[in-house]
Amino acid sequence: MYELENYWIIGDVHGCMFTLEKLIQKLPKEAIPIFIGDLVDRGNFSKEVMEFVLDNDYLAVFGNHEYLMFNYIRDAIFKDKHAMWSLDSAYGGDKSVCSYKNDTDKLLRHIKYIATMPKYIEIGRYFLTHGFGLPYYKRKDKTNCQMRLYTNRLENLASDWENDWDKYPLVNIFGHTPYEEVLFGPNYIGIDTGCAMGGKLSAIQLDTHKCISEATDKKDI
């Protein structure tokens, strides 16, 4: 069993492979990276990021952009049939389509992998989700709540949030919502620091909460 301090949680990569490589080089040699979701879209290298995660057998939770890619990229590439994901640059799916355009073997491999990605990971007292999952912790295994684990935002108070979620003896580490700096709350940490928006990619060490960041490489966006 690894110590908690071996685990480093990495924020939303969004196809920024050059930035990710630089960040990985900054981590301790014994670091075990875990990705918080949204490996794809917006950046130029979704295929390469996915391949990197798969080749190294790293863990990654399911994000809303994995959901979008899983549902729309096959139509976009094989049928030239597009949805808002691949038409509106705000989603960034057009970058993923370009990334996979001439490599359908890897596309199919990665689509198969996306279907296996967990909606959450628990390590000790840490609850890892792509969206702000803490208000759904007690219902995390219920099918009708699992989409909220990768789409909910801290800023969007909803009527179906569980009572007293702010008192749960857990730390929810999540991505999905970009912040200028890693956001520390009483029992949550937001680690999306806007890599694909020209910000930076951040990693946080479990237990110590030490942060390491890397400014976005311009080649990625």
Protein backbone atom coordinates (compact mmCIF):
# COMPACT_ATOMS: atom_id res chain seq x y z
CA MET A 1 0.00 0.00 0.00
CA TYR A 2 1.37 3.39 -0.97
CA GLU A 3 1.57 6.31 1.44
CA LEU A 4 -0.87 9.15 0.80
CA GLU A 5 2.02 11.44 0.00
CA ASN A 6 2.89 9.31 -3.03
CA TYR A 7 -0.31 10.41 -4.77
CA TRP A 8 -0.42 13.62 -6.79
CA ILE A 9 -3.76 14.72 -8.21
CA ILE A 10 -3.50 16.56 -11.53
CA GLY A 11 -6.08 19.06 -12.75
CA ASP A 12 -7.85 19.35 -16.10
CA VAL A 13 -5.23 18.71 -18.81
CA HIS A 14 -7.51 19.38 -21.82
CA GLY A 15 -5.12 18.09 -24.45
CA CYS A 16 -2.12 20.14 -23.27
CA MET A 17 0.56 17.51 -23.66
CA PHE A 18 3.64 19.74 -23.60
CA THR A 19 2.47 21.35 -20.36
CA LEU A 20 1.69 17.96 -18.84
CA GLU A 21 5.14 16.60 -19.65
CA LYS A 22 6.78 19.59 -17.98
CA LEU A 23 4.58 19.22 -14.89
CA ILE A 24 5.30 15.49 -14.59
CA GLN A 25 9.03 16.27 -14.65
CA LYS A 26 8.57 18.55 -11.63
CA LEU A 27 6.94 15.84 -9.52
CA PRO A 28 8.98 13.57 -7.23
CA LYS A 29 10.24 10.37 -8.85
CA GLU A 30 8.04 8.28 -6.57
CA ALA A 31 4.91 10.28 -7.47
CA ILE A 32 1.81 8.39 -8.55
CA PRO A 33 -0.27 10.76 -10.71
CA ILE A 34 -4.06 10.56 -10.70
CA PHE A 35 -5.99 12.70 -13.16
CA ILE A 36 -9.15 14.55 -12.18
CA GLY A 37 -10.82 14.27 -15.61
CA ASP A 38 -11.13 16.34 -18.80
CA LEU A 39 -8.05 14.88 -20.42
CA VAL A 40 -9.40 15.92 -23.82
CA ASP A 41 -10.73 18.90 -25.85
CA ARG A 42 -9.57 22.52 -26.18
CA GLY A 43 -5.84 21.78 -26.35
CA ASN A 44 -4.09 20.50 -29.47
CA PHE A 45 -3.07 17.05 -28.25
CA SER A 46 -6.01 15.11 -26.83
CA LYS A 47 -4.87 11.89 -28.50
CA GLU A 48 -1.37 12.17 -27.05
CA VAL A 49 -2.65 12.93 -23.54
CA MET A 50 -4.98 9.94 -23.60
CA GLU A 51 -2.21 7.70 -24.90
CA PHE A 52 0.14 8.92 -22.18
CA VAL A 53 -2.37 8.06 -19.46
CA LEU A 54 -3.11 4.65 -20.97
CA ASP A 55 0.51 3.72 -21.66
CA ASN A 56 1.49 4.50 -18.06
CA ASP A 57 -1.60 2.83 -16.59
CA TYR A 58 -2.48 5.97 -14.64
CA LEU A 59 -5.85 6.41 -12.95
CA ALA A 60 -8.21 9.13 -14.18
CA VAL A 61 -11.77 9.99 -13.23
CA PHE A 62 -14.45 10.57 -15.83
CA GLY A 63 -15.04 14.21 -16.78
CA ASN A 64 -17.75 15.98 -18.72
CA HIS A 65 -15.47 16.32 -21.75
CA GLU A 66 -14.89 12.56 -21.78
CA TYR A 67 -18.67 12.28 -21.80
CA LEU A 68 -18.94 14.65 -24.76
CA MET A 69 -16.17 13.00 -26.73
CA PHE A 70 -17.54 9.52 -26.09
CA ASN A 71 -20.93 10.57 -27.42
CA TYR A 72 -19.99 12.67 -30.44
CA ILE A 73 -16.54 11.99 -31.87
CA ARG A 74 -17.40 8.83 -33.80
CA ASP A 75 -20.16 10.65 -35.67
CA ALA A 76 -17.86 13.61 -36.34
CA ILE A 77 -15.03 11.49 -37.76
CA PHE A 78 -16.79 8.57 -39.41
CA LYS A 79 -19.98 10.29 -40.62
CA ASP A 80 -18.98 13.96 -40.78
CA LYS A 81 -22.01 14.53 -38.55
CA HIS A 82 -21.38 17.31 -36.05
CA ALA A 83 -22.92 18.57 -32.80
CA MET A 84 -22.29 21.66 -30.69
CA TRP A 85 -19.32 19.84 -29.13
CA SER A 86 -17.43 19.88 -32.43
CA LEU A 87 -18.94 23.07 -33.90
CA ASP A 88 -18.63 25.52 -31.01
CA SER A 89 -15.01 26.25 -30.06
CA ALA A 90 -16.13 26.90 -26.47
CA TYR A 91 -16.45 23.13 -26.09
CA GLY A 92 -13.15 22.47 -27.82
CA GLY A 93 -14.27 19.27 -29.48
CA ASP A 94 -12.99 20.53 -32.83
CA LYS A 95 -9.45 20.18 -31.47
CA SER A 96 -10.11 16.56 -30.51
CA VAL A 97 -11.52 15.81 -33.95
CA CYS A 98 -8.33 17.19 -35.52
CA SER A 99 -6.18 15.23 -33.07
CA TYR A 100 -7.73 11.88 -34.05
CA LYS A 101 -8.54 12.57 -37.70
CA ASN A 102 -5.95 10.18 -39.18
CA ASP A 103 -5.68 7.66 -36.36
CA THR A 104 -8.92 5.77 -35.94
CA ASP A 105 -7.19 2.84 -34.22
CA LYS A 106 -6.19 5.03 -31.29
CA LEU A 107 -9.58 6.73 -31.34
CA LEU A 108 -11.38 3.42 -30.90
CA ARG A 109 -8.92 2.35 -28.19
CA HIS A 110 -9.48 5.58 -26.29
CA ILE A 111 -13.26 5.45 -26.66
CA LYS A 112 -13.16 1.95 -25.18
CA TYR A 113 -11.04 3.26 -22.30
CA ILE A 114 -13.39 6.19 -21.60
CA ALA A 115 -16.19 3.69 -20.99
CA THR A 116 -14.18 2.21 -18.11
CA MET A 117 -13.24 5.45 -16.34
CA PRO A 118 -14.62 5.67 -12.79
CA LYS A 119 -16.97 8.51 -11.82
CA TYR A 120 -15.06 8.88 -8.56
CA ILE A 121 -12.02 7.55 -6.70
CA GLU A 122 -11.67 7.33 -2.92
CA ILE A 123 -8.26 7.20 -1.24
CA GLY A 124 -8.37 7.43 2.53
CA ARG A 125 -10.36 10.57 3.40
CA TYR A 126 -10.06 11.95 -0.13
CA PHE A 127 -12.99 11.87 -2.54
CA LEU A 128 -11.83 12.57 -6.10
CA THR A 129 -14.40 13.72 -8.65
CA HIS A 130 -14.32 15.83 -11.78
CA GLY A 131 -17.14 18.16 -10.75
CA PHE A 132 -17.85 19.32 -7.21
CA GLY A 133 -19.09 15.98 -5.96
CA LEU A 134 -19.23 16.47 -2.19
CA PRO A 135 -22.98 17.34 -1.99
CA TYR A 136 -23.71 13.99 -3.69
CA TYR A 137 -21.34 11.83 -1.66
CA LYS A 138 -24.02 9.71 0.04
CA ARG A 139 -25.62 9.06 -3.37
CA LYS A 140 -22.38 8.63 -5.33
CA ASP A 141 -23.33 5.14 -6.50
CA LYS A 142 -26.87 5.99 -7.54
CA THR A 143 -27.26 6.14 -11.32
CA ASN A 144 -29.45 9.24 -11.24
CA CYS A 145 -26.77 11.20 -9.35
CA GLN A 146 -23.60 10.11 -11.09
CA MET A 147 -23.80 12.73 -13.82
CA ARG A 148 -23.69 15.36 -11.09
CA LEU A 149 -20.29 14.01 -10.01
CA TYR A 150 -18.80 15.32 -13.26
CA THR A 151 -21.02 18.33 -13.99
CA ASN A 152 -21.76 20.02 -10.65
CA ARG A 153 -20.06 23.28 -9.70
CA LEU A 154 -19.38 24.71 -6.27
CA GLU A 155 -20.87 28.03 -7.37
CA ASN A 156 -24.18 26.52 -8.54
CA LEU A 157 -26.08 25.76 -5.34
CA ALA A 158 -28.78 23.23 -6.24
CA SER A 159 -31.88 22.09 -4.38
CA ASP A 160 -30.76 18.45 -4.43
CA TRP A 161 -27.53 19.00 -2.48
CA GLU A 162 -27.31 16.85 0.64
CA ASN A 163 -27.77 18.52 3.99
CA ASP A 164 -24.59 19.18 5.98
CA TRP A 165 -22.26 18.25 3.10
CA ASP A 166 -19.95 20.98 4.39
CA LYS A 167 -19.48 18.96 7.58
CA TYR A 168 -18.55 15.66 5.92
CA PRO A 169 -15.20 14.32 7.24
CA LEU A 170 -13.83 14.15 3.71
CA VAL A 171 -11.79 16.27 1.34
CA ASN A 172 -13.33 16.47 -2.14
CA ILE A 173 -10.67 17.24 -4.75
CA PHE A 174 -12.28 18.32 -8.00
CA GLY A 175 -11.68 20.06 -11.32
CA HIS A 176 -14.23 21.29 -13.89
CA THR A 177 -14.31 24.93 -12.78
CA PRO A 178 -11.17 26.95 -13.54
CA TYR A 179 -9.69 29.15 -10.83
CA GLU A 180 -6.65 31.42 -11.03
CA GLU A 181 -5.08 29.51 -8.15
CA VAL A 182 -5.85 26.21 -6.46
CA LEU A 183 -8.96 26.80 -4.36
CA PHE A 184 -8.86 25.58 -0.76
CA GLY A 185 -12.13 25.21 1.14
CA PRO A 186 -12.91 23.63 4.53
CA ASN A 187 -13.37 20.15 3.03
CA TYR A 188 -12.79 20.62 -0.67
CA ILE A 189 -10.01 21.64 -3.06
CA GLY A 190 -10.54 22.88 -6.62
CA ILE A 191 -7.48 22.17 -8.77
CA ASP A 192 -8.48 23.28 -12.28
CA THR A 193 -6.27 26.32 -12.91
CA GLY A 194 -7.29 26.94 -16.52
CA CYS A 195 -4.52 25.21 -18.43
CA ALA A 196 -6.34 25.24 -21.78
CA MET A 197 -7.27 28.89 -21.24
CA GLY A 198 -3.66 30.00 -20.98
CA GLY A 199 -3.40 29.63 -17.21
CA LYS A 200 -1.50 26.72 -15.73
CA LEU A 201 -1.73 23.04 -14.95
CA SER A 202 -1.62 22.17 -11.26
CA ALA A 203 -0.98 19.08 -9.16
CA ILE A 204 -1.61 18.62 -5.45
CA GLN A 205 -0.03 16.09 -3.13
CA LEU A 206 -2.38 14.14 -0.89
CA ASP A 207 -2.01 14.69 2.84
CA THR A 208 0.50 17.58 2.61
CA HIS A 209 -1.56 19.58 0.07
CA LYS A 210 1.64 20.81 -1.51
CA CYS A 211 0.95 22.29 -4.95
CA ILE A 212 3.14 22.25 -8.05
CA SER A 213 2.09 24.12 -11.19
CA GLU A 214 3.31 24.62 -14.74
CA ALA A 215 2.36 27.56 -16.94
CA THR A 216 0.61 26.56 -20.16
CA ASP A 217 3.00 25.87 -23.03
CA LYS A 218 1.91 27.96 -26.02
CA LYS A 219 2.32 24.94 -28.31
CA ASP A 220 -0.64 23.33 -26.57
CA ILE A 221 -3.20 26.01 -27.41
